[in-house]
Amino acid sequence: MCSLHMINNNGLGTLSILSYGKTNLTLRITGTMPDGYHQVFTLMAKVDIYDHISIAPLPSGNTKDIVVFNASGKHIDKEDVASLNAMESLGDSSGGTSVSKIVNLLRKEYGEIMGLTNQFFHIIVSKYIPQGSGMGGSSSNAHATLVGIMSLVSSSLSYSSKHRLLKKIGADAPFFLHQKPQICHGRGDEFLSSADLPQGVSLVVIFPHTSNATAEIYAEYARQQVGKEYSPVPSGGVFEGMPRSRAIDNLQKGSTGTGSLAPINVECQHNVNIEAEDLALLMNNDLLPAALNVNKELKELYSILFTKVQSYNTAHGETLATTILNGSGSSVSVVCFNKKSAQYFTASLTKLFPYYYVGCHTLVQDAAKVHTLQQGSR
């Protein structure tokens, strides 16, 4: 879900949207799929860092969407935004970025019934989610744009139709259809259960301004994985009674069994409750060794963070924080289980890494309950 706010723009409706980032609180690689993609088991949650998107219909006579990216966040490098704008200026039929791609897909498949065939838009994306951080900014932007345009033209699509369109943008893009954290399987687009997470959990995000290419990280993971077994699919504990996917059942049984879930494009209504101690045990990212091997600056950063977190926990005699890689990187989060630890790591890491982005954020437990942010305020 997105926060939407309609403002007036010389008689033309302009929609202002918050496009939230995400993190993978757990990311396990459980096997490979017939098409060669890796199969993942992941717990994803939105984070209250967001890009700001405005969409306005262009007057009749325009024949092309205008998409512009702004470097509104101080941690977004000008080179990143220049690169995004360069992709948009190519003018190819597929569109350079996820924003243009989802608009073109929507117009191609639903243009006539939604009145989009000759309707074009001015879209401004103000970037705050670090580009290349593994926090899903591109996929989130696609979802927010899809929702925004449908709202502007007073149209709607079924969950399955939106899922299908977003899946063409990226494996994690359908996740943003959901209001709550999700336990996912397959490529990360098969939703097994919503999740209630412990209150008061904060993420101190550190982004070293170096990007990890997802494909490169998975390729390195595959190289390191030769001759090794994949991670088992988590079961029992907080997952007891959770619906199982056909993909999981087939993987574990080595058969073509029927499984027990509806098709993956049907929204799952199951919900699990995850307490702080369970979340601390679950947080693991199988892509971490590959990411550290590919990105040497990230390796140095992670080593410092890991040591600092371990020392902090030892000094307090309990697990108050842990370190995770966000997606395939290259940002890392220190997950803090109380306000005091979040304040400590925010202050100390800001001082320790003055040239990196360091920001304290919270998990979005239910996007439907997030209040709309008024235009111009942050």
Protein backbone atom coordinates (compact mmCIF):
# COMPACT_ATOMS: atom_id res chain seq x y z
CA MET A 1 0.00 0.00 0.00
CA CYS A 2 0.99 3.62 -0.53
CA SER A 3 0.03 6.85 1.17
CA LEU A 4 -1.85 8.95 -1.40
CA HIS A 5 -2.56 12.67 -1.31
CA MET A 6 -4.43 14.57 -4.03
CA ILE A 7 -3.48 18.20 -4.61
CA ASN A 8 -4.60 20.70 -7.24
CA ASN A 9 -2.34 21.69 -10.11
CA ASN A 10 -3.96 24.35 -12.29
CA GLY A 11 -7.14 22.33 -12.65
CA LEU A 12 -5.34 19.04 -13.28
CA GLY A 13 -5.29 16.48 -10.51
CA THR A 14 -1.85 15.71 -9.14
CA LEU A 15 -1.33 12.67 -6.96
CA SER A 16 1.39 12.70 -4.30
CA ILE A 17 2.54 9.24 -3.21
CA LEU A 18 4.96 7.84 -0.63
CA SER A 19 6.87 4.86 -2.02
CA TYR A 20 8.31 2.85 0.89
CA GLY A 21 11.51 0.83 0.95
CA LYS A 22 11.78 -2.71 2.33
CA THR A 23 14.18 -5.03 4.05
CA ASN A 24 14.59 -8.81 4.14
CA LEU A 25 14.64 -9.77 7.80
CA THR A 26 15.47 -13.30 6.72
CA LEU A 27 16.58 -14.54 3.30
CA ARG A 28 17.26 -18.24 2.83
CA ILE A 29 18.08 -19.88 -0.51
CA THR A 30 16.19 -23.19 -0.51
CA GLY A 31 16.91 -24.50 -4.01
CA THR A 32 16.62 -23.70 -7.68
CA MET A 33 13.55 -23.48 -9.88
CA PRO A 34 13.03 -25.12 -13.31
CA ASP A 35 13.81 -21.81 -15.04
CA GLY A 36 17.17 -21.61 -13.26
CA TYR A 37 16.22 -18.90 -10.77
CA HIS A 38 17.05 -19.44 -7.13
CA GLN A 39 14.18 -20.26 -4.83
CA VAL A 40 14.04 -18.16 -1.67
CA PHE A 41 12.26 -18.21 1.67
CA THR A 42 12.13 -14.68 3.01
CA LEU A 43 10.44 -12.43 5.55
CA MET A 44 10.04 -8.99 4.01
CA ALA A 45 8.85 -5.82 5.72
CA LYS A 46 8.40 -2.23 4.61
CA VAL A 47 10.65 0.36 6.23
CA ASP A 48 9.69 3.99 6.86
CA ILE A 49 12.21 5.33 4.38
CA TYR A 50 10.46 6.37 1.21
CA ASP A 51 10.69 8.07 -2.15
CA HIS A 52 8.17 10.79 -2.93
CA ILE A 53 6.35 10.46 -6.26
CA SER A 54 4.02 12.99 -7.85
CA ILE A 55 1.93 12.11 -10.91
CA ALA A 56 -0.04 14.60 -12.99
CA PRO A 57 -1.94 13.99 -16.27
CA LEU A 58 -0.44 15.88 -19.19
CA PRO A 59 -2.79 17.95 -21.36
CA SER A 60 -4.11 16.39 -24.57
CA GLY A 61 -1.70 16.57 -27.48
CA ASN A 62 1.24 15.16 -25.54
CA THR A 63 2.52 11.90 -26.97
CA LYS A 64 5.04 10.81 -24.35
CA ASP A 65 5.26 10.48 -20.58
CA ILE A 66 7.70 12.81 -18.84
CA VAL A 67 9.56 11.03 -16.02
CA VAL A 68 12.09 12.96 -13.96
CA PHE A 69 14.18 11.82 -10.98
CA ASN A 70 15.33 14.30 -8.35
CA ALA A 71 18.10 13.77 -5.80
CA SER A 72 16.03 15.02 -2.86
CA GLY A 73 17.77 12.89 -0.26
CA LYS A 74 21.27 14.03 0.68
CA HIS A 75 22.46 10.41 0.57
CA ILE A 76 21.44 9.95 -3.07
CA ASP A 77 24.42 10.54 -5.30
CA LYS A 78 23.89 12.95 -8.19
CA GLU A 79 25.48 10.35 -10.47
CA ASP A 80 22.73 7.85 -9.58
CA VAL A 81 19.96 10.29 -10.43
CA ALA A 82 21.74 11.41 -13.60
CA SER A 83 21.94 7.75 -14.62
CA LEU A 84 18.22 7.24 -14.00
CA ASN A 85 17.32 10.31 -16.01
CA ALA A 86 19.63 9.17 -18.80
CA MET A 87 17.77 5.85 -18.93
CA GLU A 88 14.48 7.72 -19.25
CA SER A 89 15.78 9.95 -22.02
CA LEU A 90 16.60 6.95 -24.21
CA GLY A 91 12.99 6.89 -25.27
CA ASP A 92 12.95 3.17 -26.01
CA SER A 93 9.58 1.44 -26.15
CA SER A 94 10.19 -0.55 -22.96
CA GLY A 95 11.07 2.49 -20.88
CA GLY A 96 14.38 2.84 -19.11
CA THR A 97 13.33 2.51 -15.47
CA SER A 98 10.74 0.60 -13.49
CA VAL A 99 8.48 3.68 -13.50
CA SER A 100 8.32 3.92 -17.29
CA LYS A 101 8.09 0.16 -17.64
CA ILE A 102 5.02 -0.17 -15.42
CA VAL A 103 3.30 2.76 -17.16
CA ASN A 104 3.98 1.20 -20.55
CA LEU A 105 2.76 -2.21 -19.38
CA LEU A 106 -0.43 -0.71 -17.98
CA ARG A 107 -1.07 1.27 -21.16
CA LYS A 108 -0.32 -1.71 -23.40
CA GLU A 109 -2.57 -4.18 -21.59
CA TYR A 110 -5.33 -1.95 -20.22
CA GLY A 111 -4.99 1.28 -22.21
CA GLU A 112 -8.33 1.15 -23.96
CA ILE A 113 -10.50 0.20 -21.00
CA MET A 114 -8.75 2.69 -18.69
CA GLY A 115 -8.58 5.51 -21.23
CA LEU A 116 -4.79 5.52 -21.21
CA THR A 117 -4.14 5.08 -24.92
CA ASN A 118 -3.73 8.81 -25.51
CA GLN A 119 -3.30 9.94 -21.92
CA PHE A 120 0.25 10.64 -20.79
CA PHE A 121 1.67 11.72 -17.45
CA HIS A 122 4.28 13.95 -15.83
CA ILE A 123 5.93 11.86 -13.10
CA ILE A 124 8.49 13.23 -10.66
CA VAL A 125 10.35 10.77 -8.43
CA SER A 126 12.20 12.39 -5.53
CA LYS A 127 14.70 9.80 -4.34
CA TYR A 128 15.36 9.15 -0.66
CA ILE A 129 15.79 5.36 -0.70
CA PRO A 130 19.49 4.82 -1.48
CA GLN A 131 19.88 3.71 -5.09
CA GLY A 132 21.45 0.25 -5.24
CA SER A 133 21.02 -0.39 -1.51
CA GLY A 134 18.92 -3.58 -1.78
CA MET A 135 15.94 -1.82 -0.17
CA GLY A 136 13.60 -2.23 -3.13
CA GLY A 137 13.33 1.38 -4.26
CA SER A 138 12.86 0.55 -7.93
CA SER A 139 10.17 -2.07 -7.30
CA SER A 140 8.40 0.17 -4.81
CA ASN A 141 8.39 3.02 -7.32
CA ALA A 142 6.75 0.75 -9.90
CA HIS A 143 4.01 -0.26 -7.45
CA ALA A 144 3.38 3.32 -6.31
CA THR A 145 3.16 4.51 -9.90
CA LEU A 146 0.74 1.72 -10.79
CA VAL A 147 -1.53 2.56 -7.84
CA GLY A 148 -1.26 6.28 -8.53
CA ILE A 149 -2.23 6.13 -12.19
CA MET A 150 -5.17 3.82 -11.50
CA SER A 151 -6.37 6.29 -8.86
CA LEU A 152 -6.03 9.25 -11.22
CA VAL A 153 -8.10 7.57 -13.94
CA SER A 154 -10.56 6.10 -11.40
CA SER A 155 -9.85 2.51 -12.45
CA SER A 156 -9.04 -0.66 -10.57
CA LEU A 157 -7.50 -4.05 -11.21
CA SER A 158 -7.78 -7.35 -9.38
CA TYR A 159 -5.03 -8.41 -7.02
CA SER A 160 -3.95 -11.10 -9.48
CA SER A 161 -3.73 -8.62 -12.38
CA LYS A 162 -1.57 -6.21 -10.37
CA HIS A 163 0.56 -9.13 -9.15
CA ARG A 164 1.11 -10.25 -12.76
CA LEU A 165 2.11 -6.77 -13.96
CA LEU A 166 4.47 -6.10 -11.07
CA LYS A 167 6.11 -9.50 -11.39
CA LYS A 168 7.32 -8.36 -14.82
CA ILE A 169 9.18 -5.53 -13.10
CA GLY A 170 10.97 -7.57 -10.45
CA ALA A 171 10.60 -10.55 -8.15
CA ASP A 172 10.09 -8.36 -5.08
CA ALA A 173 7.71 -5.88 -6.73
CA PRO A 174 4.46 -7.79 -5.90
CA PHE A 175 5.42 -7.60 -2.21
CA PHE A 176 4.46 -3.91 -2.20
CA LEU A 177 0.84 -4.88 -2.86
CA HIS A 178 0.64 -5.95 0.77
CA GLN A 179 -0.01 -3.80 3.79
CA LYS A 180 1.81 -5.97 6.34
CA PRO A 181 5.16 -7.82 6.47
CA GLN A 182 5.06 -11.00 4.40
CA ILE A 183 6.60 -14.46 4.52
CA CYS A 184 7.37 -15.34 0.91
CA HIS A 185 8.67 -18.19 -1.17
CA GLY A 186 9.40 -18.94 -4.83
CA ARG A 187 11.24 -15.99 -6.32
CA GLY A 188 9.93 -13.96 -3.41
CA ASP A 189 6.56 -13.42 -5.09
CA GLU A 190 4.63 -16.32 -3.53
CA PHE A 191 3.04 -15.14 -0.28
CA LEU A 192 2.57 -17.74 2.45
CA SER A 193 1.56 -15.55 5.39
CA SER A 194 1.35 -12.04 6.77
CA ALA A 195 3.36 -11.41 9.93
CA ASP A 196 2.92 -9.37 13.09
CA LEU A 197 6.38 -8.27 14.21
CA PRO A 198 7.44 -7.07 17.67
CA GLN A 199 6.82 -3.42 18.42
CA GLY A 200 9.72 -1.06 18.98
CA VAL A 201 12.11 -2.67 16.47
CA SER A 202 14.31 -0.12 14.71
CA LEU A 203 16.76 -0.45 11.84
CA VAL A 204 19.87 1.67 11.77
CA VAL A 205 20.61 1.57 8.04
CA ILE A 206 24.17 2.11 6.80
CA PHE A 207 24.75 2.60 3.07
CA PRO A 208 28.37 2.87 1.88
CA HIS A 209 27.47 4.48 -1.48
CA THR A 210 28.56 1.41 -3.43
CA SER A 211 25.97 -0.65 -5.27
CA ASN A 212 25.64 -4.41 -5.51
CA ALA A 213 24.25 -5.84 -8.75
CA THR A 214 21.70 -8.48 -7.70
CA ALA A 215 22.55 -10.77 -10.62
CA GLU A 216 26.24 -10.61 -9.75
CA ILE A 217 25.57 -11.48 -6.10
CA TYR A 218 23.42 -14.49 -7.03
CA ALA A 219 26.07 -15.62 -9.52
CA GLU A 220 28.72 -15.45 -6.80
CA TYR A 221 26.41 -17.31 -4.43
CA ALA A 222 25.97 -20.07 -7.04
CA ARG A 223 29.76 -20.30 -7.43
CA GLN A 224 30.25 -20.62 -3.68
CA GLN A 225 27.38 -23.11 -3.40
CA VAL A 226 28.87 -25.77 -5.69
CA GLY A 227 28.88 -29.10 -3.83
CA LYS A 228 26.93 -27.71 -0.87
CA GLU A 229 23.36 -28.21 0.28
CA TYR A 230 20.79 -25.45 0.17
CA SER A 231 19.18 -24.08 3.32
CA PRO A 232 16.23 -26.11 4.61
CA VAL A 233 12.82 -24.49 4.48
CA PRO A 234 12.06 -23.24 8.02
CA SER A 235 9.26 -25.14 9.74
CA GLY A 236 7.82 -25.50 13.22
CA GLY A 237 7.97 -22.81 15.87
CA VAL A 238 6.43 -19.57 14.57
CA PHE A 239 5.81 -21.33 11.24
CA GLU A 240 3.69 -24.10 12.76
CA GLY A 241 0.38 -24.33 10.92
CA MET A 242 1.40 -21.85 8.23
CA PRO A 243 0.08 -22.72 4.74
CA ARG A 244 2.66 -24.43 2.59
CA SER A 245 3.42 -23.68 -1.02
CA ARG A 246 3.40 -26.21 -3.81
CA ALA A 247 7.02 -25.25 -4.51
CA ILE A 248 8.09 -26.08 -0.94
CA ASP A 249 6.28 -29.41 -0.92
CA ASN A 250 7.75 -30.42 -4.27
CA LEU A 251 11.23 -29.42 -3.17
CA GLN A 252 11.10 -31.46 0.03
CA LYS A 253 9.25 -34.49 -1.37
CA GLY A 254 11.06 -34.56 -4.71
CA SER A 255 7.69 -35.03 -6.39
CA THR A 256 5.05 -33.21 -8.35
CA GLY A 257 2.62 -33.20 -5.42
CA THR A 258 -0.38 -30.96 -5.28
CA GLY A 259 0.70 -28.78 -2.37
CA SER A 260 -1.86 -26.99 -0.24
CA LEU A 261 -1.95 -23.38 -1.34
CA ALA A 262 -4.13 -21.53 -3.82
CA PRO A 263 -2.32 -20.14 -6.91
CA ILE A 264 0.44 -17.68 -6.03
CA ASN A 265 -1.48 -14.73 -7.43
CA VAL A 266 -4.19 -15.09 -4.80
CA GLU A 267 -3.65 -12.97 -1.69
CA CYS A 268 -2.97 -15.14 1.36
CA GLN A 269 -5.08 -14.40 4.47
CA HIS A 270 -2.95 -16.37 6.97
CA ASN A 271 -1.11 -14.50 9.73
CA VAL A 272 1.66 -15.42 12.17
CA ASN A 273 2.91 -13.60 15.24
CA ILE A 274 6.70 -13.31 15.63
CA GLU A 275 8.12 -12.31 19.00
CA ALA A 276 11.43 -10.48 19.42
CA GLU A 277 13.38 -13.58 20.52
CA ASP A 278 12.10 -15.54 17.52
CA LEU A 279 12.91 -12.71 15.13
CA ALA A 280 16.47 -12.52 16.45
CA LEU A 281 16.93 -16.23 15.67
CA LEU A 282 15.36 -15.97 12.22
CA MET A 283 17.49 -13.13 10.91
CA ASN A 284 19.96 -14.65 8.49
CA ASN A 285 20.81 -13.84 4.88
CA ASP A 286 22.33 -16.59 2.73
CA LEU A 287 23.58 -13.97 0.25
CA LEU A 288 25.85 -12.33 2.83
CA PRO A 289 29.07 -14.32 2.07
CA ALA A 290 28.64 -13.68 -1.67
CA ALA A 291 27.98 -9.97 -1.15
CA LEU A 292 31.02 -9.59 1.10
CA ASN A 293 33.22 -11.38 -1.42
CA VAL A 294 32.07 -9.19 -4.31
CA ASN A 295 32.07 -5.86 -2.47
CA LYS A 296 35.27 -5.31 -0.48
CA GLU A 297 34.13 -2.00 1.01
CA LEU A 298 30.99 -3.71 2.26
CA LYS A 299 33.11 -6.50 3.72
CA GLU A 300 35.12 -4.02 5.76
CA LEU A 301 31.97 -2.21 6.88
CA TYR A 302 30.20 -5.40 7.91
CA SER A 303 33.21 -6.61 9.88
CA ILE A 304 33.25 -3.40 11.91
CA LEU A 305 29.50 -3.51 12.51
CA PHE A 306 29.47 -7.17 13.48
CA THR A 307 32.23 -6.67 16.05
CA LYS A 308 30.56 -3.55 17.45
CA VAL A 309 27.17 -5.28 17.80
CA GLN A 310 28.69 -8.36 19.43
CA SER A 311 30.55 -6.20 21.95
CA TYR A 312 27.38 -4.26 22.75
CA ASN A 313 25.36 -7.43 23.34
CA THR A 314 28.11 -8.96 25.48
CA ALA A 315 28.33 -5.81 27.62
CA HIS A 316 24.58 -5.90 28.26
CA GLY A 317 24.33 -9.66 28.73
CA GLU A 318 21.56 -10.11 26.16
CA THR A 319 20.81 -9.77 22.46
CA LEU A 320 19.71 -6.19 21.98
CA ALA A 321 20.86 -5.80 18.38
CA THR A 322 21.93 -7.83 15.38
CA THR A 323 23.33 -7.09 11.93
CA ILE A 324 21.71 -8.00 8.61
CA LEU A 325 22.34 -7.41 4.93
CA ASN A 326 19.38 -5.71 3.25
CA GLY A 327 18.40 -7.93 0.31
CA SER A 328 21.45 -8.44 -1.89
CA GLY A 329 23.02 -5.26 -0.48
CA SER A 330 24.89 -3.09 -0.42
CA SER A 331 23.22 -1.47 2.59
CA VAL A 332 23.41 -3.11 6.00
CA SER A 333 21.09 -2.68 8.99
CA VAL A 334 21.75 -2.93 12.69
CA VAL A 335 18.40 -4.23 13.94
CA CYS A 336 17.76 -2.83 17.42
CA PHE A 337 15.16 -4.30 19.78
CA ASN A 338 14.73 -1.27 22.03
CA LYS A 339 14.91 2.51 21.79
CA LYS A 340 18.09 2.85 23.81
CA SER A 341 20.12 0.56 21.55
CA ALA A 342 18.75 2.33 18.45
CA GLN A 343 19.84 5.69 19.84
CA TYR A 344 23.28 4.35 20.70
CA PHE A 345 23.98 2.83 17.29
CA THR A 346 22.55 5.80 15.39
CA ALA A 347 24.82 8.22 17.24
CA SER A 348 27.95 6.07 17.23
CA LEU A 349 27.68 4.96 13.59
CA THR A 350 26.96 8.48 12.36
CA LYS A 351 30.19 9.56 14.02
CA LEU A 352 32.11 6.48 12.85
CA PHE A 353 30.96 6.72 9.20
CA PRO A 354 30.55 10.44 8.46
CA TYR A 355 30.62 9.91 4.67
CA TYR A 356 28.08 7.07 4.59
CA TYR A 357 24.33 7.32 4.82
CA VAL A 358 23.30 6.42 8.38
CA GLY A 359 19.61 6.62 9.26
CA CYS A 360 17.38 5.19 11.96
CA HIS A 361 14.09 3.80 10.62
CA THR A 362 11.24 1.67 11.90
CA LEU A 363 9.41 -1.28 10.39
CA VAL A 364 6.03 -0.48 8.87
CA GLN A 365 3.72 -2.90 10.64
CA ASP A 366 0.60 -1.98 8.65
CA ALA A 367 0.81 0.45 5.74
CA ALA A 368 -2.96 0.91 5.77
CA LYS A 369 -2.61 2.66 9.14
CA VAL A 370 0.19 5.01 8.07
CA HIS A 371 -1.15 8.54 7.95
CA THR A 372 -0.96 10.41 4.66
CA LEU A 373 1.98 12.79 4.59
CA GLN A 374 1.02 16.28 3.50
CA GLN A 375 2.67 17.75 0.43
CA GLY A 376 5.98 19.42 1.25
CA SER A 377 6.42 18.03 4.79
CA ARG A 378 8.79 15.30 5.89
